Amino acid sequence: MHEFEIAGENYGIPDPDGWGPPVNSETRKTLIKALYGIKKFSYLYDFGDGWDHRIKVEKKLPAGACPQVPYCIDGANTCPPEDIGGAPGYA
């Protein structure tokens, strides 16, 4: 249960029954093609709890420099426990 928003386009796993707003299938486009030079995008994790992340691409590394792609090399803050009930539950 997640979704990426990149330059006004939403990417995720479309609901097979057609519920909810339409999203582009995340399996049809790579992140590098979806970003196409864009440096910031949003990542919504767990629709029920609504963890909204802002991601900023600061540097691109050669593909051979990382064991897998994409590869997060740094981050700020810590993540809350799974299924805590969103920001109110975490507070």
C-alpha atoms as a PDB file:
ATOM      1  CA  MET A   1       0.000   0.000   0.000  1.00  0.00           C
ATOM      2  CA  HIS A   2       2.076   2.849  -1.333  1.00  0.00           C
ATOM      3  CA  GLU A   3       2.196   5.485  -4.022  1.00  0.00           C
ATOM      4  CA  PHE A   4       4.757   7.810  -5.577  1.00  0.00           C
ATOM      5  CA  GLU A   5       3.833  11.295  -6.805  1.00  0.00           C
ATOM      6  CA  ILE A   6       6.296  12.668  -9.341  1.00  0.00           C
ATOM      7  CA  ALA A   7       5.579  15.946 -11.152  1.00  0.00           C
ATOM      8  CA  GLY A   8       1.820  15.573 -10.738  1.00  0.00           C
ATOM      9  CA  GLU A   9       1.740  11.940 -11.897  1.00  0.00           C
ATOM     10  CA  ASN A  10       0.883   9.150  -9.442  1.00  0.00           C
ATOM     11  CA  TYR A  11       2.562   5.750  -9.631  1.00  0.00           C
ATOM     12  CA  GLY A  12       1.651   2.642  -7.694  1.00  0.00           C
ATOM     13  CA  ILE A  13      -0.240  -0.596  -8.031  1.00  0.00           C
ATOM     14  CA  PRO A  14      -3.575   0.047  -9.764  1.00  0.00           C
ATOM     15  CA  ASP A  15      -6.583  -1.498  -8.046  1.00  0.00           C
ATOM     16  CA  PRO A  16      -7.737  -4.426 -10.199  1.00  0.00           C
ATOM     17  CA  ASP A  17     -11.380  -3.594  -9.393  1.00  0.00           C
ATOM     18  CA  GLY A  18     -10.981   0.047 -10.410  1.00  0.00           C
ATOM     19  CA  TRP A  19     -11.539   1.549  -6.952  1.00  0.00           C
ATOM     20  CA  GLY A  20      -9.883   4.806  -6.012  1.00  0.00           C
ATOM     21  CA  PRO A  21      -8.239   7.396  -8.197  1.00  0.00           C
ATOM     22  CA  PRO A  22      -6.304   6.140 -11.219  1.00  0.00           C
ATOM     23  CA  VAL A  23      -2.575   5.568 -10.874  1.00  0.00           C
ATOM     24  CA  ASN A  24       0.114   4.740 -13.401  1.00  0.00           C
ATOM     25  CA  SER A  25       1.421   1.226 -12.941  1.00  0.00           C
ATOM     26  CA  GLU A  26       4.790   1.370 -11.209  1.00  0.00           C
ATOM     27  CA  THR A  27       5.877  -1.735 -13.098  1.00  0.00           C
ATOM     28  CA  ARG A  28       5.681   0.082 -16.435  1.00  0.00           C
ATOM     29  CA  LYS A  29       8.233   2.825 -15.781  1.00  0.00           C
ATOM     30  CA  THR A  30      11.595   2.935 -14.040  1.00  0.00           C
ATOM     31  CA  LEU A  31      12.293   5.548 -11.404  1.00  0.00           C
ATOM     32  CA  ILE A  32      14.970   7.191 -13.540  1.00  0.00           C
ATOM     33  CA  LYS A  33      12.487   7.584 -16.421  1.00  0.00           C
ATOM     34  CA  ALA A  34       9.709   8.853 -14.136  1.00  0.00           C
ATOM     35  CA  LEU A  35      12.005  11.417 -12.525  1.00  0.00           C
ATOM     36  CA  TYR A  36      13.522  12.608 -15.823  1.00  0.00           C
ATOM     37  CA  GLY A  37      15.703  15.185 -14.098  1.00  0.00           C
ATOM     38  CA  ILE A  38      13.265  15.994 -11.284  1.00  0.00           C
ATOM     39  CA  LYS A  39      15.037  16.240  -7.935  1.00  0.00           C
ATOM     40  CA  LYS A  40      12.101  15.990  -5.481  1.00  0.00           C
ATOM     41  CA  PHE A  41       9.110  13.689  -5.210  1.00  0.00           C
ATOM     42  CA  SER A  42       6.663  12.288  -2.664  1.00  0.00           C
ATOM     43  CA  TYR A  43       6.247   8.762  -1.383  1.00  0.00           C
ATOM     44  CA  LEU A  44       3.070   7.827   0.488  1.00  0.00           C
ATOM     45  CA  TYR A  45       3.393   4.655   2.531  1.00  0.00           C
ATOM     46  CA  ASP A  46       0.466   2.837   4.143  1.00  0.00           C
ATOM     47  CA  PHE A  47      -2.727   4.540   3.026  1.00  0.00           C
ATOM     48  CA  GLY A  48      -4.406   3.798   6.364  1.00  0.00           C
ATOM     49  CA  ASP A  49      -1.706   5.461   8.466  1.00  0.00           C
ATOM     50  CA  GLY A  50      -0.715   8.016   5.813  1.00  0.00           C
ATOM     51  CA  TRP A  51       3.056   8.228   6.135  1.00  0.00           C
ATOM     52  CA  ASP A  52       3.962  10.931   3.632  1.00  0.00           C
ATOM     53  CA  HIS A  53       7.658  11.177   2.758  1.00  0.00           C
ATOM     54  CA  ARG A  54       9.377  13.921   0.784  1.00  0.00           C
ATOM     55  CA  ILE A  55      12.354  12.541  -1.105  1.00  0.00           C
ATOM     56  CA  LYS A  56      15.128  14.702  -2.525  1.00  0.00           C
ATOM     57  CA  VAL A  57      17.628  13.314  -5.007  1.00  0.00           C
ATOM     58  CA  GLU A  58      20.910  14.967  -4.138  1.00  0.00           C
ATOM     59  CA  LYS A  59      23.348  12.983  -6.224  1.00  0.00           C
ATOM     60  CA  LYS A  60      23.329  10.243  -8.837  1.00  0.00           C
ATOM     61  CA  LEU A  61      25.966   7.548  -8.577  1.00  0.00           C
ATOM     62  CA  PRO A  62      27.116   5.237 -11.373  1.00  0.00           C
ATOM     63  CA  ALA A  63      25.078   2.020 -11.390  1.00  0.00           C
ATOM     64  CA  GLY A  64      28.182  -0.070 -10.640  1.00  0.00           C
ATOM     65  CA  ALA A  65      28.792   1.859  -7.404  1.00  0.00           C
ATOM     66  CA  CYS A  66      25.772   0.352  -5.646  1.00  0.00           C
ATOM     67  CA  PRO A  67      24.835  -3.293  -5.070  1.00  0.00           C
ATOM     68  CA  GLN A  68      21.226  -2.558  -6.011  1.00  0.00           C
ATOM     69  CA  VAL A  69      19.412   0.332  -7.609  1.00  0.00           C
ATOM     70  CA  PRO A  70      17.866   2.519  -6.227  1.00  0.00           C
ATOM     71  CA  TYR A  71      20.037   2.624  -3.142  1.00  0.00           C
ATOM     72  CA  CYS A  72      19.502   4.957  -0.179  1.00  0.00           C
ATOM     73  CA  ILE A  73      22.823   6.031   1.320  1.00  0.00           C
ATOM     74  CA  ASP A  74      21.558   8.429   3.986  1.00  0.00           C
ATOM     75  CA  GLY A  75      18.427   9.648   5.699  1.00  0.00           C
ATOM     76  CA  ALA A  76      17.240  11.834   8.533  1.00  0.00           C
ATOM     77  CA  ASN A  77      15.222  10.850  11.587  1.00  0.00           C
ATOM     78  CA  THR A  78      13.950   7.409  12.464  1.00  0.00           C
ATOM     79  CA  CYS A  79      10.909   5.543  11.283  1.00  0.00           C
ATOM     80  CA  PRO A  80       7.992   4.697  13.568  1.00  0.00           C
ATOM     81  CA  PRO A  81       6.977   1.108  14.286  1.00  0.00           C
ATOM     82  CA  GLU A  82       4.767  -0.624  11.707  1.00  0.00           C
ATOM     83  CA  ASP A  83       0.974  -0.184  12.098  1.00  0.00           C
ATOM     84  CA  ILE A  84       1.261   2.359  14.916  1.00  0.00           C
ATOM     85  CA  GLY A  85      -1.803   4.293  13.731  1.00  0.00           C
ATOM     86  CA  GLY A  86      -0.237   7.163  11.840  1.00  0.00           C
ATOM     87  CA  ALA A  87       1.124  10.370  13.351  1.00  0.00           C
ATOM     88  CA  PRO A  88      -1.440  10.444  16.203  1.00  0.00           C
ATOM     89  CA  GLY A  89      -0.540   6.894  17.244  1.00  0.00           C
ATOM     90  CA  TYR A  90       3.156   7.700  17.083  1.00  0.00           C
ATOM     91  CA  ALA A  91       2.706  10.805  19.242  1.00  0.00           C
END
